[in-house]
Amino acid sequence: MSVAGTYECVTKSPMGDQKSTFTVNVAGDTFTGSNSGPMGTAEVSDGKVDGNSITWTIKLTSPMPMTLEGSATVDGDDFNGQVKAGAFGTFPMVGKRVA
């Protein structure tokens, strides 16, 4: 099964659970997409696909400039990963495919 899809995710951060919709649009061994939540939508850059594993970065401008580094494995409809938020540490990100 392809990793392409739309996932309803939760990232466990120090600010509490951050709910978002993460989209993955695969083109060969790369992907584009976005992560949309209450604080807005951020576009994926440098998205890479390796089998059922993906890695990406997201450059935030709000509430402060920061580059997020993400990685995840997709098993069926389950999304299990993590997001590194610079000096703030690394947080688990889990979700389910909804489309």
PDB file of N, CA and C in Angstrom:
ATOM      1  N   MET A   1       0.847  -1.192   0.000  1.00  0.00           N
ATOM      2  CA  MET A   1       0.000   0.000   0.000  1.00  0.00           C
ATOM      3  C   MET A   1       0.883   1.242   0.000  1.00  0.00           C
ATOM      4  N   SER A   2       0.497   2.228  -0.761  1.00  0.00           N
ATOM      5  CA  SER A   2       1.232   3.484  -0.865  1.00  0.00           C
ATOM      6  C   SER A   2       1.094   4.300   0.428  1.00  0.00           C
ATOM      7  N   VAL A   3       2.093   5.143   0.673  1.00  0.00           N
ATOM      8  CA  VAL A   3       2.020   6.041   1.820  1.00  0.00           C
ATOM      9  C   VAL A   3       1.207   7.291   1.504  1.00  0.00           C
ATOM     10  N   ALA A   4       0.822   7.466   0.234  1.00  0.00           N
ATOM     11  CA  ALA A   4       0.042   8.639  -0.165  1.00  0.00           C
ATOM     12  C   ALA A   4      -1.296   8.651   0.562  1.00  0.00           C
ATOM     13  N   GLY A   5      -1.732   9.847   0.930  1.00  0.00           N
ATOM     14  CA  GLY A   5      -3.032   9.970   1.568  1.00  0.00           C
ATOM     15  C   GLY A   5      -3.132  11.183   2.458  1.00  0.00           C
ATOM     16  N   THR A   6      -4.238  11.235   3.172  1.00  0.00           N
ATOM     17  CA  THR A   6      -4.507  12.290   4.136  1.00  0.00           C
ATOM     18  C   THR A   6      -4.655  11.627   5.494  1.00  0.00           C
ATOM     19  N   TYR A   7      -3.956  12.156   6.485  1.00  0.00           N
ATOM     20  CA  TYR A   7      -3.921  11.561   7.822  1.00  0.00           C
ATOM     21  C   TYR A   7      -4.385  12.578   8.858  1.00  0.00           C
ATOM     22  N   GLU A   8      -5.245  12.144   9.754  1.00  0.00           N
ATOM     23  CA  GLU A   8      -5.604  12.955  10.923  1.00  0.00           C
ATOM     24  C   GLU A   8      -4.596  12.584  12.002  1.00  0.00           C
ATOM     25  N   CYS A   9      -3.791  13.562  12.419  1.00  0.00           N
ATOM     26  CA  CYS A   9      -2.659  13.289  13.314  1.00  0.00           C
ATOM     27  C   CYS A   9      -2.753  14.068  14.622  1.00  0.00           C
ATOM     28  N   VAL A  10      -1.999  13.576  15.597  1.00  0.00           N
ATOM     29  CA  VAL A  10      -1.813  14.265  16.868  1.00  0.00           C
ATOM     30  C   VAL A  10      -0.320  14.239  17.175  1.00  0.00           C
ATOM     31  N   THR A  11       0.243  15.429  17.442  1.00  0.00           N
ATOM     32  CA  THR A  11       1.630  15.541  17.875  1.00  0.00           C
ATOM     33  C   THR A  11       1.606  15.887  19.352  1.00  0.00           C
ATOM     34  N   LYS A  12       2.305  15.084  20.151  1.00  0.00           N
ATOM     35  CA  LYS A  12       2.364  15.294  21.604  1.00  0.00           C
ATOM     36  C   LYS A  12       3.480  16.289  21.903  1.00  0.00           C
ATOM     37  N   SER A  13       3.115  17.546  22.153  1.00  0.00           N
ATOM     38  CA  SER A  13       4.107  18.588  22.393  1.00  0.00           C
ATOM     39  C   SER A  13       3.977  19.137  23.817  1.00  0.00           C
ATOM     40  N   PRO A  14       4.960  19.930  24.257  1.00  0.00           N
ATOM     41  CA  PRO A  14       4.851  20.552  25.585  1.00  0.00           C
ATOM     42  C   PRO A  14       3.650  21.476  25.706  1.00  0.00           C
ATOM     43  N   MET A  15       3.104  21.932  24.559  1.00  0.00           N
ATOM     44  CA  MET A  15       1.921  22.798  24.566  1.00  0.00           C
ATOM     45  C   MET A  15       0.645  21.970  24.546  1.00  0.00           C
ATOM     46  N   GLY A  16       0.768  20.654  24.758  1.00  0.00           N
ATOM     47  CA  GLY A  16      -0.395  19.777  24.720  1.00  0.00           C
ATOM     48  C   GLY A  16      -0.513  19.090  23.374  1.00  0.00           C
ATOM     49  N   ASP A  17      -1.571  18.319  23.207  1.00  0.00           N
ATOM     50  CA  ASP A  17      -1.802  17.606  21.961  1.00  0.00           C
ATOM     51  C   ASP A  17      -2.122  18.600  20.844  1.00  0.00           C
ATOM     52  N   GLN A  18      -1.363  18.504  19.753  1.00  0.00           N
ATOM     53  CA  GLN A  18      -1.567  19.370  18.600  1.00  0.00           C
ATOM     54  C   GLN A  18      -2.188  18.539  17.476  1.00  0.00           C
ATOM     55  N   LYS A  19      -3.473  18.755  17.209  1.00  0.00           N
ATOM     56  CA  LYS A  19      -4.168  18.017  16.155  1.00  0.00           C
ATOM     57  C   LYS A  19      -3.917  18.693  14.810  1.00  0.00           C
ATOM     58  N   SER A  20      -3.746  17.860  13.773  1.00  0.00           N
ATOM     59  CA  SER A  20      -3.514  18.399  12.442  1.00  0.00           C
ATOM     60  C   SER A  20      -3.931  17.398  11.377  1.00  0.00           C
ATOM     61  N   THR A  21      -4.034  17.898  10.159  1.00  0.00           N
ATOM     62  CA  THR A  21      -4.280  17.062   8.989  1.00  0.00           C
ATOM     63  C   THR A  21      -3.025  17.115   8.140  1.00  0.00           C
ATOM     64  N   PHE A  22      -2.400  15.952   7.940  1.00  0.00           N
ATOM     65  CA  PHE A  22      -1.133  15.845   7.207  1.00  0.00           C
ATOM     66  C   PHE A  22      -1.411  15.177   5.865  1.00  0.00           C
ATOM     67  N   THR A  23      -1.047  15.842   4.771  1.00  0.00           N
ATOM     68  CA  THR A  23      -1.270  15.264   3.446  1.00  0.00           C
ATOM     69  C   THR A  23       0.058  14.845   2.825  1.00  0.00           C
ATOM     70  N   VAL A  24       0.017  13.711   2.128  1.00  0.00           N
ATOM     71  CA  VAL A  24       1.190  13.151   1.464  1.00  0.00           C
ATOM     72  C   VAL A  24       0.806  12.870   0.011  1.00  0.00           C
ATOM     73  N   ASN A  25       1.440  13.583  -0.921  1.00  0.00           N
ATOM     74  CA  ASN A  25       1.213  13.407  -2.359  1.00  0.00           C
ATOM     75  C   ASN A  25       2.509  12.874  -2.962  1.00  0.00           C
ATOM     76  N   VAL A  26       2.550  11.567  -3.236  1.00  0.00           N
ATOM     77  CA  VAL A  26       3.781  10.888  -3.652  1.00  0.00           C
ATOM     78  C   VAL A  26       4.023  11.051  -5.152  1.00  0.00           C
ATOM     79  N   ALA A  27       5.294  11.279  -5.506  1.00  0.00           N
ATOM     80  CA  ALA A  27       5.759  11.309  -6.895  1.00  0.00           C
ATOM     81  C   ALA A  27       7.097  10.566  -6.920  1.00  0.00           C
ATOM     82  N   GLY A  28       7.033   9.249  -7.150  1.00  0.00           N
ATOM     83  CA  GLY A  28       8.261   8.449  -7.144  1.00  0.00           C
ATOM     84  C   GLY A  28       8.805   8.285  -5.743  1.00  0.00           C
ATOM     85  N   ASP A  29      10.047   8.736  -5.512  1.00  0.00           N
ATOM     86  CA  ASP A  29      10.648   8.610  -4.184  1.00  0.00           C
ATOM     87  C   ASP A  29      10.642   9.941  -3.425  1.00  0.00           C
ATOM     88  N   THR A  30       9.769  10.870  -3.861  1.00  0.00           N
ATOM     89  CA  THR A  30       9.606  12.140  -3.148  1.00  0.00           C
ATOM     90  C   THR A  30       8.118  12.381  -2.897  1.00  0.00           C
ATOM     91  N   PHE A  31       7.815  13.345  -2.053  1.00  0.00           N
ATOM     92  CA  PHE A  31       6.423  13.734  -1.854  1.00  0.00           C
ATOM     93  C   PHE A  31       6.311  15.204  -1.512  1.00  0.00           C
ATOM     94  N   THR A  32       5.156  15.758  -1.836  1.00  0.00           N
ATOM     95  CA  THR A  32       4.782  17.101  -1.416  1.00  0.00           C
ATOM     96  C   THR A  32       3.572  16.944  -0.512  1.00  0.00           C
ATOM     97  N   GLY A  33       3.222  17.997   0.174  1.00  0.00           N
ATOM     98  CA  GLY A  33       2.057  17.940   1.039  1.00  0.00           C
ATOM     99  C   GLY A  33       2.048  19.104   1.992  1.00  0.00           C
ATOM    100  N   SER A  34       1.222  18.983   3.015  1.00  0.00           N
ATOM    101  CA  SER A  34       1.108  20.050   4.003  1.00  0.00           C
ATOM    102  C   SER A  34       0.626  19.483   5.331  1.00  0.00           C
ATOM    103  N   ASN A  35       0.802  20.296   6.354  1.00  0.00           N
ATOM    104  CA  ASN A  35       0.284  19.975   7.671  1.00  0.00           C
ATOM    105  C   ASN A  35      -0.589  21.152   8.098  1.00  0.00           C
ATOM    106  N   SER A  36      -1.882  20.894   8.314  1.00  0.00           N
ATOM    107  CA  SER A  36      -2.837  21.954   8.637  1.00  0.00           C
ATOM    108  C   SER A  36      -3.418  21.735  10.019  1.00  0.00           C
ATOM    109  N   GLY A  37      -3.382  22.787  10.823  1.00  0.00           N
ATOM    110  CA  GLY A  37      -3.934  22.711  12.174  1.00  0.00           C
ATOM    111  C   GLY A  37      -4.469  24.059  12.596  1.00  0.00           C
ATOM    112  N   PRO A  38      -4.786  24.200  13.887  1.00  0.00           N
ATOM    113  CA  PRO A  38      -5.367  25.446  14.390  1.00  0.00           C
ATOM    114  C   PRO A  38      -4.499  26.682  14.169  1.00  0.00           C
ATOM    115  N   MET A  39      -3.178  26.485  14.043  1.00  0.00           N
ATOM    116  CA  MET A  39      -2.283  27.633  13.866  1.00  0.00           C
ATOM    117  C   MET A  39      -2.006  27.928  12.395  1.00  0.00           C
ATOM    118  N   GLY A  40      -2.682  27.212  11.483  1.00  0.00           N
ATOM    119  CA  GLY A  40      -2.491  27.468  10.062  1.00  0.00           C
ATOM    120  C   GLY A  40      -1.988  26.251   9.311  1.00  0.00           C
ATOM    121  N   THR A  41      -1.598  26.475   8.070  1.00  0.00           N
ATOM    122  CA  THR A  41      -1.111  25.418   7.199  1.00  0.00           C
ATOM    123  C   THR A  41       0.336  25.686   6.839  1.00  0.00           C
ATOM    124  N   ALA A  42       1.162  24.635   6.917  1.00  0.00           N
ATOM    125  CA  ALA A  42       2.574  24.733   6.551  1.00  0.00           C
ATOM    126  C   ALA A  42       2.871  23.681   5.486  1.00  0.00           C
ATOM    127  N   GLU A  43       3.603  24.093   4.455  1.00  0.00           N
ATOM    128  CA  GLU A  43       3.932  23.203   3.342  1.00  0.00           C
ATOM    129  C   GLU A  43       5.146  22.344   3.669  1.00  0.00           C
ATOM    130  N   VAL A  44       5.088  21.092   3.233  1.00  0.00           N
ATOM    131  CA  VAL A  44       6.205  20.164   3.362  1.00  0.00           C
ATOM    132  C   VAL A  44       7.280  20.552   2.352  1.00  0.00           C
ATOM    133  N   SER A  45       8.543  20.476   2.771  1.00  0.00           N
ATOM    134  CA  SER A  45       9.648  20.605   1.827  1.00  0.00           C
ATOM    135  C   SER A  45      10.564  19.406   2.033  1.00  0.00           C
ATOM    136  N   ASP A  46      11.306  19.075   1.011  1.00  0.00           N
ATOM    137  CA  ASP A  46      12.280  17.983   1.068  1.00  0.00           C
ATOM    138  C   ASP A  46      11.643  16.657   1.500  1.00  0.00           C
ATOM    139  N   GLY A  47      10.420  16.378   1.037  1.00  0.00           N
ATOM    140  CA  GLY A  47       9.745  15.123   1.368  1.00  0.00           C
ATOM    141  C   GLY A  47      10.357  13.947   0.613  1.00  0.00           C
ATOM    142  N   LYS A  48      10.722  12.908   1.336  1.00  0.00           N
ATOM    143  CA  LYS A  48      11.327  11.718   0.738  1.00  0.00           C
ATOM    144  C   LYS A  48      10.542  10.477   1.145  1.00  0.00           C
ATOM    145  N   VAL A  49      10.444   9.520   0.210  1.00  0.00           N
ATOM    146  CA  VAL A  49       9.745   8.259   0.438  1.00  0.00           C
ATOM    147  C   VAL A  49      10.729   7.117   0.253  1.00  0.00           C
ATOM    148  N   ASP A  50      10.745   6.192   1.222  1.00  0.00           N
ATOM    149  CA  ASP A  50      11.572   4.983   1.127  1.00  0.00           C
ATOM    150  C   ASP A  50      10.699   3.817   1.586  1.00  0.00           C
ATOM    151  N   GLY A  51      10.034   3.171   0.628  1.00  0.00           N
ATOM    152  CA  GLY A  51       9.104   2.095   0.979  1.00  0.00           C
ATOM    153  C   GLY A  51       7.920   2.660   1.722  1.00  0.00           C
ATOM    154  N   ASN A  52       7.746   2.215   2.989  1.00  0.00           N
ATOM    155  CA  ASN A  52       6.633   2.742   3.787  1.00  0.00           C
ATOM    156  C   ASN A  52       7.100   3.780   4.806  1.00  0.00           C
ATOM    157  N   SER A  53       8.322   4.304   4.607  1.00  0.00           N
ATOM    158  CA  SER A  53       8.865   5.343   5.491  1.00  0.00           C
ATOM    159  C   SER A  53       8.967   6.666   4.752  1.00  0.00           C
ATOM    160  N   ILE A  54       8.695   7.757   5.462  1.00  0.00           N
ATOM    161  CA  ILE A  54       8.801   9.087   4.886  1.00  0.00           C
ATOM    162  C   ILE A  54       9.592   9.997   5.821  1.00  0.00           C
ATOM    163  N   THR A  55      10.268  10.981   5.236  1.00  0.00           N
ATOM    164  CA  THR A  55      10.934  12.038   6.001  1.00  0.00           C
ATOM    165  C   THR A  55      10.600  13.362   5.335  1.00  0.00           C
ATOM    166  N   TRP A  56      10.610  14.448   6.102  1.00  0.00           N
ATOM    167  CA  TRP A  56      10.261  15.755   5.571  1.00  0.00           C
ATOM    168  C   TRP A  56      10.767  16.845   6.488  1.00  0.00           C
ATOM    169  N   THR A  57      10.725  18.073   5.975  1.00  0.00           N
ATOM    170  CA  THR A  57      10.942  19.261   6.798  1.00  0.00           C
ATOM    171  C   THR A  57       9.786  20.222   6.536  1.00  0.00           C
ATOM    172  N   ILE A  58       9.515  21.043   7.527  1.00  0.00           N
ATOM    173  CA  ILE A  58       8.525  22.110   7.412  1.00  0.00           C
ATOM    174  C   ILE A  58       9.150  23.353   8.033  1.00  0.00           C
ATOM    175  N   LYS A  59       9.141  24.440   7.285  1.00  0.00           N
ATOM    176  CA  LYS A  59       9.678  25.694   7.786  1.00  0.00           C
ATOM    177  C   LYS A  59       8.529  26.553   8.317  1.00  0.00           C
ATOM    178  N   LEU A  60       8.542  26.781   9.627  1.00  0.00           N
ATOM    179  CA  LEU A  60       7.511  27.600  10.267  1.00  0.00           C
ATOM    180  C   LEU A  60       7.968  29.048  10.335  1.00  0.00           C
ATOM    181  N   THR A  61       7.008  29.956  10.275  1.00  0.00           N
ATOM    182  CA  THR A  61       7.294  31.375  10.503  1.00  0.00           C
ATOM    183  C   THR A  61       6.554  31.880  11.740  1.00  0.00           C
ATOM    184  N   SER A  62       5.505  31.150  12.149  1.00  0.00           N
ATOM    185  CA  SER A  62       4.691  31.572  13.287  1.00  0.00           C
ATOM    186  C   SER A  62       4.428  30.360  14.176  1.00  0.00           C
ATOM    187  N   PRO A  63       4.457  30.422  15.475  1.00  0.00           N
ATOM    188  CA  PRO A  63       4.609  31.636  16.273  1.00  0.00           C
ATOM    189  C   PRO A  63       6.049  32.144  16.325  1.00  0.00           C
ATOM    190  N   MET A  64       7.008  31.340  15.829  1.00  0.00           N
ATOM    191  CA  MET A  64       8.394  31.786  15.731  1.00  0.00           C
ATOM    192  C   MET A  64       9.044  31.022  14.585  1.00  0.00           C
ATOM    193  N   PRO A  65      10.070  31.611  13.953  1.00  0.00           N
ATOM    194  CA  PRO A  65      10.744  30.898  12.876  1.00  0.00           C
ATOM    195  C   PRO A  65      11.417  29.626  13.406  1.00  0.00           C
ATOM    196  N   MET A  66      11.161  28.503  12.727  1.00  0.00           N
ATOM    197  CA  MET A  66      11.723  27.231  13.165  1.00  0.00           C
ATOM    198  C   MET A  66      11.575  26.224  12.031  1.00  0.00           C
ATOM    199  N   THR A  67      12.534  25.324  11.922  1.00  0.00           N
ATOM    200  CA  THR A  67      12.425  24.229  10.962  1.00  0.00           C
ATOM    201  C   THR A  67      12.098  22.955  11.715  1.00  0.00           C
ATOM    202  N   LEU A  68      11.003  22.313  11.338  1.00  0.00           N
ATOM    203  CA  LEU A  68      10.603  21.032  11.914  1.00  0.00           C
ATOM    204  C   LEU A  68      11.140  19.921  11.021  1.00  0.00           C
ATOM    205  N   GLU A  69      11.683  18.865  11.628  1.00  0.00           N
ATOM    206  CA  GLU A  69      12.165  17.707  10.889  1.00  0.00           C
ATOM    207  C   GLU A  69      11.319  16.512  11.303  1.00  0.00           C
ATOM    208  N   GLY A  70      10.634  15.911  10.319  1.00  0.00           N
ATOM    209  CA  GLY A  70       9.739  14.809  10.633  1.00  0.00           C
ATOM    210  C   GLY A  70      10.140  13.512   9.964  1.00  0.00           C
ATOM    211  N   SER A  71       9.717  12.419  10.582  1.00  0.00           N
ATOM    212  CA  SER A  71       9.891  11.085   9.997  1.00  0.00           C
ATOM    213  C   SER A  71       8.737  10.229  10.485  1.00  0.00           C
ATOM    214  N   ALA A  72       8.309   9.291   9.629  1.00  0.00           N
ATOM    215  CA  ALA A  72       7.195   8.424  10.006  1.00  0.00           C
ATOM    216  C   ALA A  72       7.227   7.150   9.174  1.00  0.00           C
ATOM    217  N   THR A  73       6.541   6.155   9.707  1.00  0.00           N
ATOM    218  CA  THR A  73       6.308   4.906   9.008  1.00  0.00           C
ATOM    219  C   THR A  73       4.801   4.733   8.878  1.00  0.00           C
ATOM    220  N   VAL A  74       4.371   4.322   7.691  1.00  0.00           N
ATOM    221  CA  VAL A  74       2.957   4.065   7.450  1.00  0.00           C
ATOM    222  C   VAL A  74       2.764   2.561   7.356  1.00  0.00           C
ATOM    223  N   ASP A  75       1.903   2.031   8.229  1.00  0.00           N
ATOM    224  CA  ASP A  75       1.588   0.599   8.255  1.00  0.00           C
ATOM    225  C   ASP A  75       0.091   0.461   8.050  1.00  0.00           C
ATOM    226  N   GLY A  76      -0.315   0.151   6.815  1.00  0.00           N
ATOM    227  CA  GLY A  76      -1.745   0.136   6.504  1.00  0.00           C
ATOM    228  C   GLY A  76      -2.258   1.559   6.558  1.00  0.00           C
ATOM    229  N   ASP A  77      -3.181   1.837   7.477  1.00  0.00           N
ATOM    230  CA  ASP A  77      -3.714   3.187   7.648  1.00  0.00           C
ATOM    231  C   ASP A  77      -3.126   3.895   8.859  1.00  0.00           C
ATOM    232  N   ASP A  78      -2.172   3.249   9.553  1.00  0.00           N
ATOM    233  CA  ASP A  78      -1.561   3.825  10.759  1.00  0.00           C
ATOM    234  C   ASP A  78      -0.311   4.620  10.418  1.00  0.00           C
ATOM    235  N   PHE A  79      -0.229   5.824  10.966  1.00  0.00           N
ATOM    236  CA  PHE A  79       0.881   6.748  10.770  1.00  0.00           C
ATOM    237  C   PHE A  79       1.580   6.876  12.116  1.00  0.00           C
ATOM    238  N   ASN A  80       2.845   6.474  12.195  1.00  0.00           N
ATOM    239  CA  ASN A  80       3.606   6.551  13.446  1.00  0.00           C
ATOM    240  C   ASN A  80       4.935   7.232  13.183  1.00  0.00           C
ATOM    241  N   GLY A  81       5.148   8.374  13.826  1.00  0.00           N
ATOM    242  CA  GLY A  81       6.379   9.102  13.576  1.00  0.00           C
ATOM    243  C   GLY A  81       6.768  10.021  14.694  1.00  0.00           C
ATOM    244  N   GLN A  82       7.623  10.959  14.331  1.00  0.00           N
ATOM    245  CA  GLN A  82       8.099  11.940  15.296  1.00  0.00           C
ATOM    246  C   GLN A  82       8.472  13.223  14.567  1.00  0.00           C
ATOM    247  N   VAL A  83       8.452  14.312  15.325  1.00  0.00           N
ATOM    248  CA  VAL A  83       8.813  15.621  14.793  1.00  0.00           C
ATOM    249  C   VAL A  83       9.845  16.229  15.729  1.00  0.00           C
ATOM    250  N   LYS A  84      10.986  16.634  15.146  1.00  0.00           N
ATOM    251  CA  LYS A  84      12.020  17.330  15.912  1.00  0.00           C
ATOM    252  C   LYS A  84      11.813  18.819  15.725  1.00  0.00           C
ATOM    253  N   ALA A  85      11.628  19.530  16.841  1.00  0.00           N
ATOM    254  CA  ALA A  85      11.346  20.962  16.820  1.00  0.00           C
ATOM    255  C   ALA A  85      12.537  21.740  17.361  1.00  0.00           C
ATOM    256  N   GLY A  86      13.646  21.676  16.654  1.00  0.00           N
ATOM    257  CA  GLY A  86      14.846  22.421  17.047  1.00  0.00           C
ATOM    258  C   GLY A  86      15.255  22.140  18.478  1.00  0.00           C
ATOM    259  N   ALA A  87      15.551  23.198  19.222  1.00  0.00           N
ATOM    260  CA  ALA A  87      16.004  23.075  20.607  1.00  0.00           C
ATOM    261  C   ALA A  87      14.911  22.609  21.557  1.00  0.00           C
ATOM    262  N   PHE A  88      13.661  22.551  21.079  1.00  0.00           N
ATOM    263  CA  PHE A  88      12.549  22.152  21.933  1.00  0.00           C
ATOM    264  C   PHE A  88      12.439  20.636  22.095  1.00  0.00           C
ATOM    265  N   GLY A  89      13.166  19.878  21.279  1.00  0.00           N
ATOM    266  CA  GLY A  89      13.156  18.429  21.419  1.00  0.00           C
ATOM    267  C   GLY A  89      12.366  17.730  20.324  1.00  0.00           C
ATOM    268  N   THR A  90      12.170  16.436  20.526  1.00  0.00           N
ATOM    269  CA  THR A  90      11.488  15.582  19.567  1.00  0.00           C
ATOM    270  C   THR A  90      10.207  15.045  20.185  1.00  0.00           C
ATOM    271  N   PHE A  91       9.122  15.081  19.403  1.00  0.00           N
ATOM    272  CA  PHE A  91       7.810  14.715  19.919  1.00  0.00           C
ATOM    273  C   PHE A  91       7.150  13.665  19.041  1.00  0.00           C
ATOM    274  N   PRO A  92       6.424  12.715  19.636  1.00  0.00           N
ATOM    275  CA  PRO A  92       5.730  11.709  18.843  1.00  0.00           C
ATOM    276  C   PRO A  92       4.587  12.305  18.037  1.00  0.00           C
ATOM    277  N   MET A  93       4.397  11.777  16.820  1.00  0.00           N
ATOM    278  CA  MET A  93       3.292  12.182  15.949  1.00  0.00           C
ATOM    279  C   MET A  93       2.631  10.902  15.445  1.00  0.00           C
ATOM    280  N   VAL A  94       1.358  10.734  15.767  1.00  0.00           N
ATOM    281  CA  VAL A  94       0.633   9.524  15.361  1.00  0.00           C
ATOM    282  C   VAL A  94      -0.646   9.927  14.640  1.00  0.00           C
ATOM    283  N   GLY A  95      -1.137   9.033  13.799  1.00  0.00           N
ATOM    284  CA  GLY A  95      -2.361   9.358  13.098  1.00  0.00           C
ATOM    285  C   GLY A  95      -2.957   8.178  12.366  1.00  0.00           C
ATOM    286  N   LYS A  96      -4.087   8.447  11.715  1.00  0.00           N
ATOM    287  CA  LYS A  96      -4.826   7.455  10.927  1.00  0.00           C
ATOM    288  C   LYS A  96      -5.141   8.059   9.574  1.00  0.00           C
ATOM    289  N   ARG A  97      -5.028   7.229   8.521  1.00  0.00           N
ATOM    290  CA  ARG A  97      -5.396   7.666   7.179  1.00  0.00           C
ATOM    291  C   ARG A  97      -6.919   7.853   7.125  1.00  0.00           C
ATOM    292  N   VAL A  98      -7.350   8.980   6.583  1.00  0.00           N
ATOM    293  CA  VAL A  98      -8.769   9.265   6.434  1.00  0.00           C
ATOM    294  C   VAL A  98      -9.167   9.357   4.967  1.00  0.00           C
ATOM    295  N   ALA A  99      -8.196   9.421   4.087  1.00  0.00           N
ATOM    296  CA  ALA A  99      -8.475   9.463   2.642  1.00  0.00           C
ATOM    297  C   ALA A  99      -7.255   9.011   1.862  1.00  0.00           C
TER     298      ALA A  99
END
